[in-house]
Amino acid sequence: MSRLTSQYPERVYASPEEKQRSEIADRVGVPRPGLLLAGLAALGVGIWAWYYFGPDIRRYLKIRSM
């Protein structure tokens, strides 16, 4: 029978402190850089849209409430 091996190799750490930091980061769930970049891009688009369309939206809402 063939021997099954793990899909992920064993991590090698330089020190016990590095291992502890890595385990804590895995538990906390450090966000991926791509997710952070996408969030910043969405925030930037939202700020740009508010700056560009904000006065018209406020004017429209004021007219609609009359």
PDB file of N, CA and C in Angstrom:
ATOM      1  N   MET A   1       0.837  -1.165   0.000  1.00  0.00           N
ATOM      2  CA  MET A   1       0.000   0.000   0.000  1.00  0.00           C
ATOM      3  C   MET A   1       0.892   1.241   0.000  1.00  0.00           C
ATOM      4  N   SER A   2       0.474   2.258  -0.750  1.00  0.00           N
ATOM      5  CA  SER A   2       1.305   3.464  -0.822  1.00  0.00           C
ATOM      6  C   SER A   2       1.159   4.302   0.440  1.00  0.00           C
ATOM      7  N   ARG A   3       2.195   5.033   0.706  1.00  0.00           N
ATOM      8  CA  ARG A   3       2.202   5.868   1.908  1.00  0.00           C
ATOM      9  C   ARG A   3       1.711   7.271   1.532  1.00  0.00           C
ATOM     10  N   LEU A   4       0.713   7.781   2.258  1.00  0.00           N
ATOM     11  CA  LEU A   4       0.179   9.107   1.987  1.00  0.00           C
ATOM     12  C   LEU A   4       1.025  10.154   2.692  1.00  0.00           C
ATOM     13  N   THR A   5       1.307  11.230   1.993  1.00  0.00           N
ATOM     14  CA  THR A   5       2.072  12.319   2.588  1.00  0.00           C
ATOM     15  C   THR A   5       1.187  13.555   2.673  1.00  0.00           C
ATOM     16  N   SER A   6       1.578  14.447   3.527  1.00  0.00           N
ATOM     17  CA  SER A   6       0.826  15.683   3.719  1.00  0.00           C
ATOM     18  C   SER A   6       0.934  16.558   2.474  1.00  0.00           C
ATOM     19  N   GLN A   7      -0.121  17.300   2.219  1.00  0.00           N
ATOM     20  CA  GLN A   7      -0.118  18.200   1.073  1.00  0.00           C
ATOM     21  C   GLN A   7       0.828  19.374   1.342  1.00  0.00           C
ATOM     22  N   TYR A   8       0.932  19.779   2.591  1.00  0.00           N
ATOM     23  CA  TYR A   8       1.773  20.913   2.962  1.00  0.00           C
ATOM     24  C   TYR A   8       2.993  20.419   3.730  1.00  0.00           C
ATOM     25  N   PRO A   9       4.176  20.841   3.317  1.00  0.00           N
ATOM     26  CA  PRO A   9       5.378  20.382   4.025  1.00  0.00           C
ATOM     27  C   PRO A   9       5.464  21.025   5.410  1.00  0.00           C
ATOM     28  N   GLU A  10       6.222  20.397   6.277  1.00  0.00           N
ATOM     29  CA  GLU A  10       6.446  20.902   7.634  1.00  0.00           C
ATOM     30  C   GLU A  10       7.203  22.219   7.562  1.00  0.00           C
ATOM     31  N   ARG A  11       6.747  23.210   8.323  1.00  0.00           N
ATOM     32  CA  ARG A  11       7.444  24.501   8.351  1.00  0.00           C
ATOM     33  C   ARG A  11       8.693  24.396   9.213  1.00  0.00           C
ATOM     34  N   VAL A  12       9.740  25.108   8.793  1.00  0.00           N
ATOM     35  CA  VAL A  12      10.981  25.156   9.557  1.00  0.00           C
ATOM     36  C   VAL A  12      11.137  26.586  10.069  1.00  0.00           C
ATOM     37  N   TYR A  13      11.286  26.715  11.386  1.00  0.00           N
ATOM     38  CA  TYR A  13      11.405  28.027  12.012  1.00  0.00           C
ATOM     39  C   TYR A  13      12.810  28.223  12.546  1.00  0.00           C
ATOM     40  N   ALA A  14      13.270  29.499  12.501  1.00  0.00           N
ATOM     41  CA  ALA A  14      14.610  29.821  12.979  1.00  0.00           C
ATOM     42  C   ALA A  14      14.651  29.833  14.506  1.00  0.00           C
ATOM     43  N   SER A  15      13.547  30.186  15.146  1.00  0.00           N
ATOM     44  CA  SER A  15      13.526  30.270  16.603  1.00  0.00           C
ATOM     45  C   SER A  15      12.124  29.954  17.115  1.00  0.00           C
ATOM     46  N   PRO A  16      12.011  29.632  18.401  1.00  0.00           N
ATOM     47  CA  PRO A  16      10.678  29.389  18.968  1.00  0.00           C
ATOM     48  C   PRO A  16       9.779  30.631  18.914  1.00  0.00           C
ATOM     49  N   GLU A  17      10.385  31.836  19.021  1.00  0.00           N
ATOM     50  CA  GLU A  17       9.592  33.061  18.950  1.00  0.00           C
ATOM     51  C   GLU A  17       8.953  33.228  17.565  1.00  0.00           C
ATOM     52  N   GLU A  18       9.719  32.881  16.533  1.00  0.00           N
ATOM     53  CA  GLU A  18       9.190  32.982  15.172  1.00  0.00           C
ATOM     54  C   GLU A  18       8.020  32.016  14.992  1.00  0.00           C
ATOM     55  N   LYS A  19       8.149  30.826  15.561  1.00  0.00           N
ATOM     56  CA  LYS A  19       7.072  29.843  15.463  1.00  0.00           C
ATOM     57  C   LYS A  19       5.822  30.358  16.169  1.00  0.00           C
ATOM     58  N   GLN A  20       5.982  30.962  17.340  1.00  0.00           N
ATOM     59  CA  GLN A  20       4.843  31.482  18.089  1.00  0.00           C
ATOM     60  C   GLN A  20       4.175  32.623  17.318  1.00  0.00           C
ATOM     61  N   ARG A  21       4.974  33.543  16.758  1.00  0.00           N
ATOM     62  CA  ARG A  21       4.402  34.656  15.983  1.00  0.00           C
ATOM     63  C   ARG A  21       3.634  34.127  14.781  1.00  0.00           C
ATOM     64  N   SER A  22       4.174  33.117  14.117  1.00  0.00           N
ATOM     65  CA  SER A  22       3.510  32.548  12.952  1.00  0.00           C
ATOM     66  C   SER A  22       2.194  31.890  13.337  1.00  0.00           C
ATOM     67  N   GLU A  23       2.182  31.163  14.444  1.00  0.00           N
ATOM     68  CA  GLU A  23       0.944  30.514  14.894  1.00  0.00           C
ATOM     69  C   GLU A  23      -0.103  31.541  15.278  1.00  0.00           C
ATOM     70  N   ILE A  24       0.305  32.629  15.933  1.00  0.00           N
ATOM     71  CA  ILE A  24      -0.636  33.687  16.301  1.00  0.00           C
ATOM     72  C   ILE A  24      -1.195  34.349  15.052  1.00  0.00           C
ATOM     73  N   ALA A  25      -0.333  34.625  14.075  1.00  0.00           N
ATOM     74  CA  ALA A  25      -0.787  35.240  12.823  1.00  0.00           C
ATOM     75  C   ALA A  25      -1.767  34.327  12.095  1.00  0.00           C
ATOM     76  N   ASP A  26      -1.529  33.015  12.135  1.00  0.00           N
ATOM     77  CA  ASP A  26      -2.446  32.078  11.499  1.00  0.00           C
ATOM     78  C   ASP A  26      -3.802  32.076  12.193  1.00  0.00           C
ATOM     79  N   ARG A  27      -3.793  32.156  13.523  1.00  0.00           N
ATOM     80  CA  ARG A  27      -5.052  32.160  14.276  1.00  0.00           C
ATOM     81  C   ARG A  27      -5.829  33.452  14.065  1.00  0.00           C
ATOM     82  N   VAL A  28      -5.130  34.588  14.079  1.00  0.00           N
ATOM     83  CA  VAL A  28      -5.789  35.884  13.945  1.00  0.00           C
ATOM     84  C   VAL A  28      -6.322  36.053  12.532  1.00  0.00           C
ATOM     85  N   GLY A  29      -5.641  35.556  11.569  1.00  0.00           N
ATOM     86  CA  GLY A  29      -6.083  35.666  10.184  1.00  0.00           C
ATOM     87  C   GLY A  29      -5.630  36.978   9.572  1.00  0.00           C
ATOM     88  N   VAL A  30      -4.351  37.141   9.389  1.00  0.00           N
ATOM     89  CA  VAL A  30      -3.799  38.352   8.811  1.00  0.00           C
ATOM     90  C   VAL A  30      -4.348  38.494   7.396  1.00  0.00           C
ATOM     91  N   PRO A  31      -4.902  39.669   7.056  1.00  0.00           N
ATOM     92  CA  PRO A  31      -5.499  39.825   5.725  1.00  0.00           C
ATOM     93  C   PRO A  31      -4.453  39.745   4.628  1.00  0.00           C
ATOM     94  N   ARG A  32      -4.875  39.264   3.503  1.00  0.00           N
ATOM     95  CA  ARG A  32      -3.981  39.162   2.359  1.00  0.00           C
ATOM     96  C   ARG A  32      -3.742  40.542   1.780  1.00  0.00           C
ATOM     97  N   PRO A  33      -2.559  40.782   1.208  1.00  0.00           N
ATOM     98  CA  PRO A  33      -2.269  42.100   0.628  1.00  0.00           C
ATOM     99  C   PRO A  33      -3.235  42.478  -0.497  1.00  0.00           C
ATOM    100  N   GLY A  34      -3.675  41.507  -1.278  1.00  0.00           N
ATOM    101  CA  GLY A  34      -4.612  41.792  -2.366  1.00  0.00           C
ATOM    102  C   GLY A  34      -5.951  42.271  -1.848  1.00  0.00           C
ATOM    103  N   LEU A  35      -6.391  41.692  -0.735  1.00  0.00           N
ATOM    104  CA  LEU A  35      -7.657  42.108  -0.138  1.00  0.00           C
ATOM    105  C   LEU A  35      -7.549  43.529   0.396  1.00  0.00           C
ATOM    106  N   LEU A  36      -6.433  43.844   1.011  1.00  0.00           N
ATOM    107  CA  LEU A  36      -6.201  45.197   1.515  1.00  0.00           C
ATOM    108  C   LEU A  36      -6.170  46.197   0.361  1.00  0.00           C
ATOM    109  N   LEU A  37      -5.511  45.851  -0.727  1.00  0.00           N
ATOM    110  CA  LEU A  37      -5.438  46.728  -1.893  1.00  0.00           C
ATOM    111  C   LEU A  37      -6.820  46.943  -2.513  1.00  0.00           C
ATOM    112  N   ALA A  38      -7.611  45.893  -2.599  1.00  0.00           N
ATOM    113  CA  ALA A  38      -8.968  46.019  -3.139  1.00  0.00           C
ATOM    114  C   ALA A  38      -9.824  46.915  -2.247  1.00  0.00           C
ATOM    115  N   GLY A  39      -9.674  46.791  -0.932  1.00  0.00           N
ATOM    116  CA  GLY A  39     -10.417  47.646  -0.016  1.00  0.00           C
ATOM    117  C   GLY A  39     -10.032  49.107  -0.159  1.00  0.00           C
ATOM    118  N   LEU A  40      -8.733  49.366  -0.293  1.00  0.00           N
ATOM    119  CA  LEU A  40      -8.284  50.741  -0.488  1.00  0.00           C
ATOM    120  C   LEU A  40      -8.770  51.303  -1.826  1.00  0.00           C
ATOM    121  N   ALA A  41      -8.793  50.482  -2.855  1.00  0.00           N
ATOM    122  CA  ALA A  41      -9.298  50.926  -4.156  1.00  0.00           C
ATOM    123  C   ALA A  41     -10.786  51.250  -4.073  1.00  0.00           C
ATOM    124  N   ALA A  42     -11.558  50.402  -3.385  1.00  0.00           N
ATOM    125  CA  ALA A  42     -12.990  50.663  -3.233  1.00  0.00           C
ATOM    126  C   ALA A  42     -13.227  51.947  -2.435  1.00  0.00           C
ATOM    127  N   LEU A  43     -12.441  52.155  -1.404  1.00  0.00           N
ATOM    128  CA  LEU A  43     -12.545  53.379  -0.613  1.00  0.00           C
ATOM    129  C   LEU A  43     -12.213  54.596  -1.470  1.00  0.00           C
ATOM    130  N   GLY A  44     -11.179  54.499  -2.276  1.00  0.00           N
ATOM    131  CA  GLY A  44     -10.802  55.596  -3.161  1.00  0.00           C
ATOM    132  C   GLY A  44     -11.887  55.915  -4.177  1.00  0.00           C
ATOM    133  N   VAL A  45     -12.487  54.893  -4.766  1.00  0.00           N
ATOM    134  CA  VAL A  45     -13.573  55.109  -5.728  1.00  0.00           C
ATOM    135  C   VAL A  45     -14.773  55.747  -5.029  1.00  0.00           C
ATOM    136  N   GLY A  46     -15.065  55.325  -3.805  1.00  0.00           N
ATOM    137  CA  GLY A  46     -16.179  55.915  -3.058  1.00  0.00           C
ATOM    138  C   GLY A  46     -15.943  57.377  -2.749  1.00  0.00           C
ATOM    139  N   ILE A  47     -14.737  57.714  -2.330  1.00  0.00           N
ATOM    140  CA  ILE A  47     -14.411  59.120  -2.052  1.00  0.00           C
ATOM    141  C   ILE A  47     -14.477  59.943  -3.326  1.00  0.00           C
ATOM    142  N   TRP A  48     -13.947  59.410  -4.420  1.00  0.00           N
ATOM    143  CA  TRP A  48     -14.005  60.125  -5.695  1.00  0.00           C
ATOM    144  C   TRP A  48     -15.458  60.339  -6.130  1.00  0.00           C
ATOM    145  N   ALA A  49     -16.291  59.311  -6.001  1.00  0.00           N
ATOM    146  CA  ALA A  49     -17.694  59.425  -6.407  1.00  0.00           C
ATOM    147  C   ALA A  49     -18.419  60.458  -5.549  1.00  0.00           C
ATOM    148  N   TRP A  50     -18.157  60.469  -4.253  1.00  0.00           N
ATOM    149  CA  TRP A  50     -18.816  61.456  -3.385  1.00  0.00           C
ATOM    150  C   TRP A  50     -18.367  62.869  -3.756  1.00  0.00           C
ATOM    151  N   TYR A  51     -17.087  63.048  -4.054  1.00  0.00           N
ATOM    152  CA  TYR A  51     -16.574  64.354  -4.440  1.00  0.00           C
ATOM    153  C   TYR A  51     -17.181  64.797  -5.774  1.00  0.00           C
ATOM    154  N   TYR A  52     -17.308  63.869  -6.711  1.00  0.00           N
ATOM    155  CA  TYR A  52     -17.777  64.198  -8.049  1.00  0.00           C
ATOM    156  C   TYR A  52     -19.301  64.342  -8.115  1.00  0.00           C
ATOM    157  N   PHE A  53     -20.048  63.409  -7.477  1.00  0.00           N
ATOM    158  CA  PHE A  53     -21.505  63.401  -7.568  1.00  0.00           C
ATOM    159  C   PHE A  53     -22.203  63.964  -6.333  1.00  0.00           C
ATOM    160  N   GLY A  54     -21.474  64.214  -5.263  1.00  0.00           N
ATOM    161  CA  GLY A  54     -22.074  64.644  -3.999  1.00  0.00           C
ATOM    162  C   GLY A  54     -22.959  65.866  -4.093  1.00  0.00           C
ATOM    163  N   PRO A  55     -22.504  66.983  -4.692  1.00  0.00           N
ATOM    164  CA  PRO A  55     -23.360  68.168  -4.771  1.00  0.00           C
ATOM    165  C   PRO A  55     -24.659  67.921  -5.541  1.00  0.00           C
ATOM    166  N   ASP A  56     -24.592  67.155  -6.625  1.00  0.00           N
ATOM    167  CA  ASP A  56     -25.804  66.855  -7.392  1.00  0.00           C
ATOM    168  C   ASP A  56     -26.767  65.987  -6.587  1.00  0.00           C
ATOM    169  N   ILE A  57     -26.235  65.028  -5.861  1.00  0.00           N
ATOM    170  CA  ILE A  57     -27.094  64.154  -5.049  1.00  0.00           C
ATOM    171  C   ILE A  57     -27.771  64.962  -3.954  1.00  0.00           C
ATOM    172  N   ARG A  58     -27.029  65.852  -3.286  1.00  0.00           N
ATOM    173  CA  ARG A  58     -27.624  66.689  -2.243  1.00  0.00           C
ATOM    174  C   ARG A  58     -28.714  67.589  -2.826  1.00  0.00           C
ATOM    175  N   ARG A  59     -28.462  68.171  -3.979  1.00  0.00           N
ATOM    176  CA  ARG A  59     -29.446  69.036  -4.638  1.00  0.00           C
ATOM    177  C   ARG A  59     -30.691  68.236  -5.012  1.00  0.00           C
ATOM    178  N   TYR A  60     -30.508  67.037  -5.540  1.00  0.00           N
ATOM    179  CA  TYR A  60     -31.633  66.180  -5.914  1.00  0.00           C
ATOM    180  C   TYR A  60     -32.460  65.822  -4.685  1.00  0.00           C
ATOM    181  N   LEU A  61     -31.805  65.451  -3.597  1.00  0.00           N
ATOM    182  CA  LEU A  61     -32.538  65.084  -2.393  1.00  0.00           C
ATOM    183  C   LEU A  61     -33.287  66.276  -1.809  1.00  0.00           C
ATOM    184  N   LYS A  62     -32.721  67.469  -1.912  1.00  0.00           N
ATOM    185  CA  LYS A  62     -33.387  68.664  -1.420  1.00  0.00           C
ATOM    186  C   LYS A  62     -34.646  68.957  -2.260  1.00  0.00           C
ATOM    187  N   ILE A  63     -34.528  68.856  -3.579  1.00  0.00           N
ATOM    188  CA  ILE A  63     -35.680  69.103  -4.466  1.00  0.00           C
ATOM    189  C   ILE A  63     -36.751  68.051  -4.234  1.00  0.00           C
ATOM    190  N   ARG A  64     -36.347  66.804  -4.042  1.00  0.00           N
ATOM    191  CA  ARG A  64     -37.311  65.704  -3.863  1.00  0.00           C
ATOM    192  C   ARG A  64     -38.094  65.871  -2.573  1.00  0.00           C
ATOM    193  N   SER A  65     -37.495  66.442  -1.537  1.00  0.00           N
ATOM    194  CA  SER A  65     -38.180  66.577  -0.268  1.00  0.00           C
ATOM    195  C   SER A  65     -39.144  67.774  -0.243  1.00  0.00           C
ATOM    196  N   MET A  66     -39.127  68.623  -1.270  1.00  0.00           N
ATOM    197  CA  MET A  66     -40.029  69.792  -1.293  1.00  0.00           C
ATOM    198  C   MET A  66     -41.443  69.396  -1.591  1.00  0.00           C
TER     199      MET A  66
END
